[in-house]
Amino acid sequence: MRIGIPRALFYYQYFPFWKNFFEQLGLEVVLSSPTNKEILKQGLEFCVDDACLPIKIFHGHVADLIGKVDMIYIPRIISIEPKEYICPKFLGLPDMIRNSISNIPHIVDTELNLYKGKNHILDHILNLGKILNIHQTRILFAYFKAIKAQRQFEKLMIEKFVTPQDIIDKRLTFIENQTFKKRRNNIKVLLLGHNYNIYDDYISMGLIRKLRKHNIDLITCEMVTKSQIKEGNKKLSKDLFWTLGKKTTGTAYYFLEHKKVDGIIHVASFGCGPDSLVGELIEKRAKLEYKIPFLYLNLDEHAGEAGFDTRLEAFLDVLEGRKHIEDNISTYG
């Protein structure tokens, strides 16, 4: 039995869990192709016009799996943290797919809602067992194996300062050697944004590759501990109830307060309400209170790489110029 997982949205956050869980149950996990021009084209064709780019891309990945699998895993996600929510489009995603794409395999769309506590993940897991007609004992065994793999995955990102794709693609040793042992300019950039925006090489137009090419010391939200994010969010006058936005602001405020970065890049999707609010909060604080250069990159299907590269290179030139000036200031003034 083959189960398909679209290489989009929370793939970059939970793939190790999903892969280990389904494989422990004897299923063959099949991924959609990496995002490319054809997947984007299909996503634009099948998805409603007013959806954000990541949702459109997701539709393209689902279409890419047709004919390759017996079922597709598209959980109906409401909340991934207690007392917090994520974008409502995740909740309606299975229905959007069913109504937009014809002749698709069976969709496994069990609800995931941790709003009332993380223990409710067992509801999600046990419902999966019922759908797959697998005994509860075997389901629980697979769950504990999968959660162990997920924790190791998250630990590696924090300890090694690597991206999810570095670990999934087993590029860990190479990245350590090329990026972290051969720094030349020692410029630290905080790269903010949802993981499905910044880690998808096609959507982000190779942003991480380009930063590494310039020997930038790169930090993302996934490389930060939960306690650091919580400390950063204490700077907010009011608690956010959007999990992903809260993660972004907490990371930004922590590094700004501790003066640990030379610049900030915030990547957001056009039309994302929470992203526009979060981006403005961070930009104002970075520029007005900490005098830290800030670059806002907005992504949609019409974005051109030439303009993207020009803005990125100009931003990096500013950081390099500031670093050069600071390094040449006398200790004695």
Protein backbone atom coordinates (compact mmCIF):
# COMPACT_ATOMS: atom_id res chain seq x y z
CA MET A 1 0.00 0.00 0.00
CA ARG A 2 1.46 3.35 -1.05
CA ILE A 3 0.63 6.57 0.80
CA GLY A 4 1.50 9.91 -0.75
CA ILE A 5 2.81 12.93 1.11
CA PRO A 6 2.84 16.27 -0.74
CA ARG A 7 6.24 17.94 -0.49
CA ALA A 8 4.70 21.22 0.70
CA LEU A 9 3.35 23.10 3.76
CA PHE A 10 4.13 21.13 6.93
CA TYR A 11 6.27 18.60 5.06
CA TYR A 12 9.30 20.65 6.16
CA GLN A 13 8.25 20.44 9.81
CA TYR A 14 6.80 16.96 10.27
CA PHE A 15 8.12 14.72 7.49
CA PRO A 16 10.40 12.62 9.77
CA PHE A 17 7.40 11.83 11.98
CA TRP A 18 5.10 10.99 9.06
CA LYS A 19 7.72 8.88 7.27
CA ASN A 20 8.64 6.81 10.32
CA PHE A 21 5.04 6.40 11.43
CA PHE A 22 3.69 5.10 8.11
CA GLU A 23 6.73 2.93 7.43
CA GLN A 24 6.39 1.28 10.84
CA LEU A 25 2.87 0.35 9.76
CA GLY A 26 4.18 -1.31 6.61
CA LEU A 27 3.12 1.42 4.16
CA GLU A 28 5.35 2.71 1.39
CA VAL A 29 5.78 6.48 1.67
CA VAL A 30 5.84 8.26 -1.69
CA LEU A 31 6.75 11.94 -1.94
CA SER A 32 5.65 14.28 -4.68
CA SER A 33 8.42 15.73 -6.84
CA PRO A 34 10.34 18.79 -5.60
CA THR A 35 8.51 21.99 -6.49
CA ASN A 36 9.08 22.92 -10.13
CA LYS A 37 7.49 24.90 -12.94
CA GLU A 38 4.99 22.14 -13.80
CA ILE A 39 3.84 21.73 -10.19
CA LEU A 40 3.31 25.50 -9.90
CA LYS A 41 1.39 25.46 -13.20
CA GLN A 42 -0.91 22.68 -11.98
CA GLY A 43 -1.39 24.41 -8.65
CA LEU A 44 -2.49 27.62 -10.36
CA GLU A 45 -4.82 25.66 -12.60
CA PHE A 46 -6.59 23.72 -9.83
CA CYS A 47 -6.59 26.14 -6.90
CA VAL A 48 -8.92 29.11 -6.36
CA ASP A 49 -7.41 32.46 -7.38
CA ASP A 50 -7.53 34.18 -3.99
CA ALA A 51 -5.50 31.50 -2.18
CA CYS A 52 -1.91 32.24 -1.13
CA LEU A 53 1.05 30.81 -3.05
CA PRO A 54 1.81 27.95 -0.58
CA ILE A 55 -1.77 26.66 -0.88
CA LYS A 56 -1.59 26.83 -4.67
CA ILE A 57 1.72 24.97 -4.61
CA PHE A 58 0.16 22.31 -2.37
CA HIS A 59 -2.54 21.68 -4.98
CA GLY A 60 0.19 21.14 -7.55
CA HIS A 61 1.95 18.61 -5.32
CA VAL A 62 -1.28 16.67 -4.80
CA ALA A 63 -1.83 16.58 -8.57
CA ASP A 64 1.73 15.30 -8.99
CA LEU A 65 0.89 12.26 -6.80
CA ILE A 66 -2.08 11.12 -8.91
CA GLY A 67 -1.38 7.72 -10.40
CA LYS A 68 1.58 7.12 -8.08
CA VAL A 69 -0.17 6.24 -4.80
CA ASP A 70 -3.21 4.49 -3.33
CA MET A 71 -4.00 7.26 -0.85
CA ILE A 72 -2.80 10.77 0.05
CA TYR A 73 -2.26 12.03 3.59
CA ILE A 74 -3.78 15.50 4.03
CA PRO A 75 -4.54 16.01 7.73
CA ARG A 76 -7.25 18.48 8.73
CA ILE A 77 -5.06 20.65 10.97
CA ILE A 78 -6.68 23.06 13.42
CA SER A 79 -4.05 23.56 16.10
CA ILE A 80 -0.49 22.29 16.71
CA GLU A 81 0.04 24.00 20.08
CA PRO A 82 -2.24 24.35 23.14
CA LYS A 83 -4.37 27.54 23.18
CA GLU A 84 -3.17 28.55 19.72
CA TYR A 85 -4.38 28.22 16.14
CA ILE A 86 -2.87 28.11 12.67
CA CYS A 87 -4.19 29.44 9.36
CA PRO A 88 -7.79 28.23 8.76
CA LYS A 89 -6.84 27.19 5.23
CA PHE A 90 -5.14 24.15 6.77
CA LEU A 91 -8.48 23.16 8.28
CA GLY A 92 -10.25 23.33 4.94
CA LEU A 93 -7.42 21.94 2.83
CA PRO A 94 -8.84 18.40 2.35
CA ASP A 95 -12.17 19.87 1.17
CA MET A 96 -10.43 22.35 -1.13
CA ILE A 97 -8.49 19.50 -2.73
CA ARG A 98 -11.57 17.28 -3.18
CA ASN A 99 -13.52 20.08 -4.82
CA SER A 100 -10.69 21.32 -7.02
CA ILE A 101 -8.98 18.18 -8.33
CA SER A 102 -10.83 15.26 -9.91
CA ASN A 103 -9.77 11.58 -10.03
CA ILE A 104 -7.60 11.83 -6.93
CA PRO A 105 -6.86 8.80 -4.70
CA HIS A 106 -8.50 8.39 -1.30
CA ILE A 107 -7.63 11.29 1.02
CA VAL A 108 -6.68 10.45 4.61
CA ASP A 109 -7.87 13.60 6.39
CA THR A 110 -8.04 12.89 10.12
CA GLU A 111 -8.34 15.96 12.34
CA LEU A 112 -5.35 17.24 14.29
CA ASN A 113 -6.39 19.62 17.07
CA LEU A 114 -4.05 20.21 20.01
CA TYR A 115 -5.82 23.37 21.23
CA LYS A 116 -6.89 21.68 24.49
CA GLY A 117 -3.56 19.92 25.06
CA LYS A 118 -0.79 18.02 23.30
CA ASN A 119 -2.17 14.69 24.53
CA HIS A 120 -4.91 15.08 21.90
CA ILE A 121 -2.41 13.99 19.27
CA LEU A 122 -3.37 10.46 20.31
CA ASP A 123 -6.90 11.13 19.01
CA HIS A 124 -5.36 11.90 15.63
CA ILE A 125 -3.12 8.82 15.72
CA LEU A 126 -5.85 6.39 16.81
CA ASN A 127 -8.25 7.74 14.16
CA LEU A 128 -5.56 7.06 11.57
CA GLY A 129 -5.45 3.49 12.83
CA LYS A 130 -9.19 3.10 12.32
CA ILE A 131 -9.01 4.44 8.78
CA LEU A 132 -6.08 2.18 7.92
CA ASN A 133 -7.70 -0.76 9.76
CA ILE A 134 -4.61 -1.39 11.90
CA HIS A 135 -4.71 -2.59 15.52
CA GLN A 136 -4.33 0.04 18.24
CA THR A 137 -1.23 -1.60 19.76
CA ARG A 138 0.63 -1.46 16.47
CA ILE A 139 -0.46 2.14 15.94
CA LEU A 140 0.89 3.20 19.34
CA PHE A 141 4.19 1.39 18.72
CA ALA A 142 4.58 3.24 15.40
CA TYR A 143 3.72 6.54 17.11
CA PHE A 144 6.46 6.20 19.75
CA LYS A 145 9.03 5.29 17.08
CA ALA A 146 7.97 8.28 14.98
CA ILE A 147 8.01 10.77 17.85
CA LYS A 148 11.56 9.68 18.69
CA ALA A 149 12.66 10.36 15.09
CA GLN A 150 10.90 13.75 15.14
CA ARG A 151 12.64 14.85 18.34
CA GLN A 152 16.02 13.84 16.95
CA PHE A 153 15.25 15.84 13.80
CA GLU A 154 14.38 18.97 15.80
CA LYS A 155 17.41 18.53 18.05
CA LEU A 156 19.77 18.34 15.07
CA MET A 157 18.48 21.60 13.59
CA ILE A 158 19.12 23.42 16.86
CA GLU A 159 22.50 21.86 17.63
CA LYS A 160 23.97 21.93 14.10
CA PHE A 161 22.24 25.08 12.76
CA VAL A 162 21.04 23.22 9.67
CA THR A 163 17.79 23.29 7.71
CA PRO A 164 15.17 20.52 7.54
CA GLN A 165 16.15 19.73 3.96
CA ASP A 166 19.82 19.36 4.94
CA ILE A 167 18.81 16.54 7.29
CA ILE A 168 16.19 14.96 5.01
CA ASP A 169 18.61 14.95 2.07
CA LYS A 170 21.45 13.73 4.33
CA ARG A 171 23.63 16.75 3.52
CA LEU A 172 24.54 17.36 7.16
CA THR A 173 28.30 16.70 6.94
CA PHE A 174 28.69 18.66 3.72
CA ILE A 175 26.84 21.69 5.06
CA GLU A 176 28.85 21.67 8.29
CA ASN A 177 32.12 21.60 6.34
CA GLN A 178 31.17 24.17 3.71
CA THR A 179 29.17 26.66 5.73
CA PHE A 180 30.12 26.59 9.37
CA LYS A 181 33.83 25.74 9.35
CA LYS A 182 34.84 28.15 6.58
CA ARG A 183 33.19 31.43 7.52
CA ARG A 184 34.99 34.43 6.09
CA ASN A 185 32.83 37.46 6.80
CA ASN A 186 31.10 36.29 10.00
CA ILE A 187 27.87 38.09 9.11
CA LYS A 188 24.84 36.72 10.95
CA VAL A 189 21.44 36.95 9.25
CA LEU A 190 18.15 35.97 10.85
CA LEU A 191 15.94 34.42 8.14
CA LEU A 192 12.30 34.58 9.20
CA GLY A 193 9.23 33.10 7.57
CA HIS A 194 7.10 29.98 7.45
CA ASN A 195 9.18 26.87 6.80
CA TYR A 196 7.20 26.10 3.64
CA ASN A 197 8.25 29.47 2.23
CA ILE A 198 11.94 29.60 3.08
CA TYR A 199 12.90 25.92 2.70
CA ASP A 200 11.21 25.28 -0.64
CA ASP A 201 14.07 26.06 -3.01
CA TYR A 202 11.75 26.85 -5.94
CA ILE A 203 9.33 29.13 -4.08
CA SER A 204 12.14 31.01 -2.31
CA MET A 205 14.19 31.24 -5.54
CA GLY A 206 17.16 29.51 -3.91
CA LEU A 207 17.38 32.04 -1.06
CA ILE A 208 19.23 29.74 1.35
CA ARG A 209 21.65 28.62 -1.37
CA LYS A 210 22.38 32.23 -2.23
CA LEU A 211 22.99 33.22 1.38
CA ARG A 212 25.34 30.30 1.87
CA LYS A 213 27.18 31.21 -1.31
CA HIS A 214 27.95 34.54 0.35
CA ASN A 215 29.17 32.69 3.48
CA ILE A 216 26.38 34.10 5.61
CA ASP A 217 25.95 32.68 9.11
CA LEU A 218 22.27 31.75 8.76
CA ILE A 219 19.72 31.38 11.58
CA THR A 220 16.06 30.35 11.18
CA CYS A 221 13.19 29.77 13.62
CA GLU A 222 13.80 26.00 13.51
CA MET A 223 17.32 26.53 14.87
CA VAL A 224 16.03 28.24 18.03
CA THR A 225 14.88 26.59 21.26
CA LYS A 226 11.31 26.92 22.52
CA SER A 227 12.55 28.68 25.67
CA GLN A 228 14.31 31.33 23.57
CA ILE A 229 11.16 31.91 21.52
CA LYS A 230 9.12 32.17 24.72
CA GLU A 231 11.60 34.69 26.13
CA GLY A 232 11.36 36.78 22.97
CA ASN A 233 7.56 36.81 23.05
CA LYS A 234 7.61 38.40 26.51
CA LYS A 235 8.37 41.64 24.66
CA LEU A 236 4.87 41.57 23.13
CA SER A 237 2.25 43.67 24.88
CA LYS A 238 -0.39 41.05 24.04
CA ASP A 239 -0.08 37.32 23.41
CA LEU A 240 -0.49 36.13 19.81
CA PHE A 241 -2.79 33.18 19.13
CA TRP A 242 -1.29 32.33 15.71
CA THR A 243 1.34 29.62 16.32
CA LEU A 244 3.50 30.37 13.29
CA GLY A 245 3.38 34.14 13.80
CA LYS A 246 4.23 33.73 17.47
CA LYS A 247 7.22 31.59 16.55
CA THR A 248 8.45 34.26 14.14
CA THR A 249 8.08 37.22 16.51
CA GLY A 250 9.56 35.32 19.45
CA THR A 251 12.64 34.40 17.43
CA ALA A 252 13.08 37.94 16.09
CA TYR A 253 12.63 39.67 19.44
CA TYR A 254 15.00 37.27 21.20
CA PHE A 255 17.84 37.91 18.75
CA LEU A 256 17.19 41.64 18.62
CA GLU A 257 17.22 41.93 22.40
CA HIS A 258 20.46 39.97 22.69
CA LYS A 259 22.01 41.79 19.69
CA LYS A 260 23.03 38.53 18.06
CA VAL A 261 22.32 39.31 14.40
CA ASP A 262 23.57 41.81 11.82
CA GLY A 263 20.42 41.79 9.69
CA ILE A 264 16.94 40.30 9.30
CA ILE A 265 15.22 38.91 6.22
CA HIS A 266 11.50 38.24 6.46
CA VAL A 267 9.95 36.10 3.72
CA ALA A 268 6.16 36.19 3.42
CA SER A 269 3.45 35.19 0.97
CA PHE A 270 1.43 37.88 -0.76
CA GLY A 271 -2.05 38.08 0.73
CA CYS A 272 -1.17 36.49 4.08
CA GLY A 273 -2.81 38.68 6.75
CA PRO A 274 -0.94 37.40 9.83
CA ASP A 275 2.39 37.61 7.96
CA SER A 276 1.85 41.26 7.06
CA LEU A 277 1.08 42.13 10.69
CA VAL A 278 4.00 40.14 12.10
CA GLY A 279 6.39 41.55 9.50
CA GLU A 280 5.46 45.12 10.36
CA LEU A 281 5.88 44.52 14.11
CA ILE A 282 9.37 43.12 13.60
CA GLU A 283 10.45 45.69 11.00
CA LYS A 284 9.51 48.66 13.20
CA ARG A 285 11.36 47.27 16.20
CA ALA A 286 14.42 46.26 14.16
CA LYS A 287 14.78 49.65 12.44
CA LEU A 288 13.66 52.09 15.12
CA GLU A 289 14.89 50.51 18.36
CA TYR A 290 17.87 48.41 17.28
CA LYS A 291 18.97 50.02 13.99
CA ILE A 292 19.24 46.59 12.36
CA PRO A 293 18.88 46.36 8.53
CA PHE A 294 15.63 44.63 7.57
CA LEU A 295 14.66 43.12 4.20
CA TYR A 296 11.05 42.14 3.46
CA LEU A 297 10.61 39.68 0.58
CA ASN A 298 7.08 39.08 -0.67
CA LEU A 299 6.43 35.91 -2.67
CA ASP A 300 3.74 35.16 -5.23
CA GLU A 301 3.50 33.35 -8.56
CA HIS A 302 4.45 36.53 -10.46
CA ALA A 303 7.66 37.27 -8.54
CA GLY A 304 10.71 37.63 -10.78
CA GLU A 305 14.10 36.27 -9.76
CA ALA A 306 16.08 39.18 -11.22
CA GLY A 307 14.43 41.76 -8.97
CA PHE A 308 14.61 39.34 -6.05
CA ASP A 309 18.37 38.91 -6.51
CA THR A 310 18.95 42.65 -6.87
CA ARG A 311 17.25 43.41 -3.56
CA LEU A 312 19.07 40.56 -1.80
CA GLU A 313 22.49 41.60 -3.10
CA ALA A 314 21.88 45.23 -2.12
CA PHE A 315 20.90 44.12 1.39
CA LEU A 316 24.03 41.97 1.74
CA ASP A 317 26.17 44.87 0.50
CA VAL A 318 24.75 47.00 3.31
CA LEU A 319 25.59 44.32 5.88
CA GLU A 320 29.11 43.88 4.55
CA GLY A 321 29.66 47.64 4.55
CA ARG A 322 28.48 47.99 8.14
CA LYS A 323 30.64 45.06 9.21
CA HIS A 324 33.70 46.54 7.51
CA ILE A 325 33.19 49.90 9.24
CA GLU A 326 32.69 48.30 12.67
CA ASP A 327 35.77 46.12 12.27
CA ASN A 328 37.90 49.18 11.50
CA ILE A 329 36.80 51.40 14.39
CA SER A 330 39.49 51.89 17.01
CA THR A 331 38.83 50.45 20.44
CA TYR A 332 39.73 53.83 21.88
CA GLY A 333 37.39 55.78 19.58
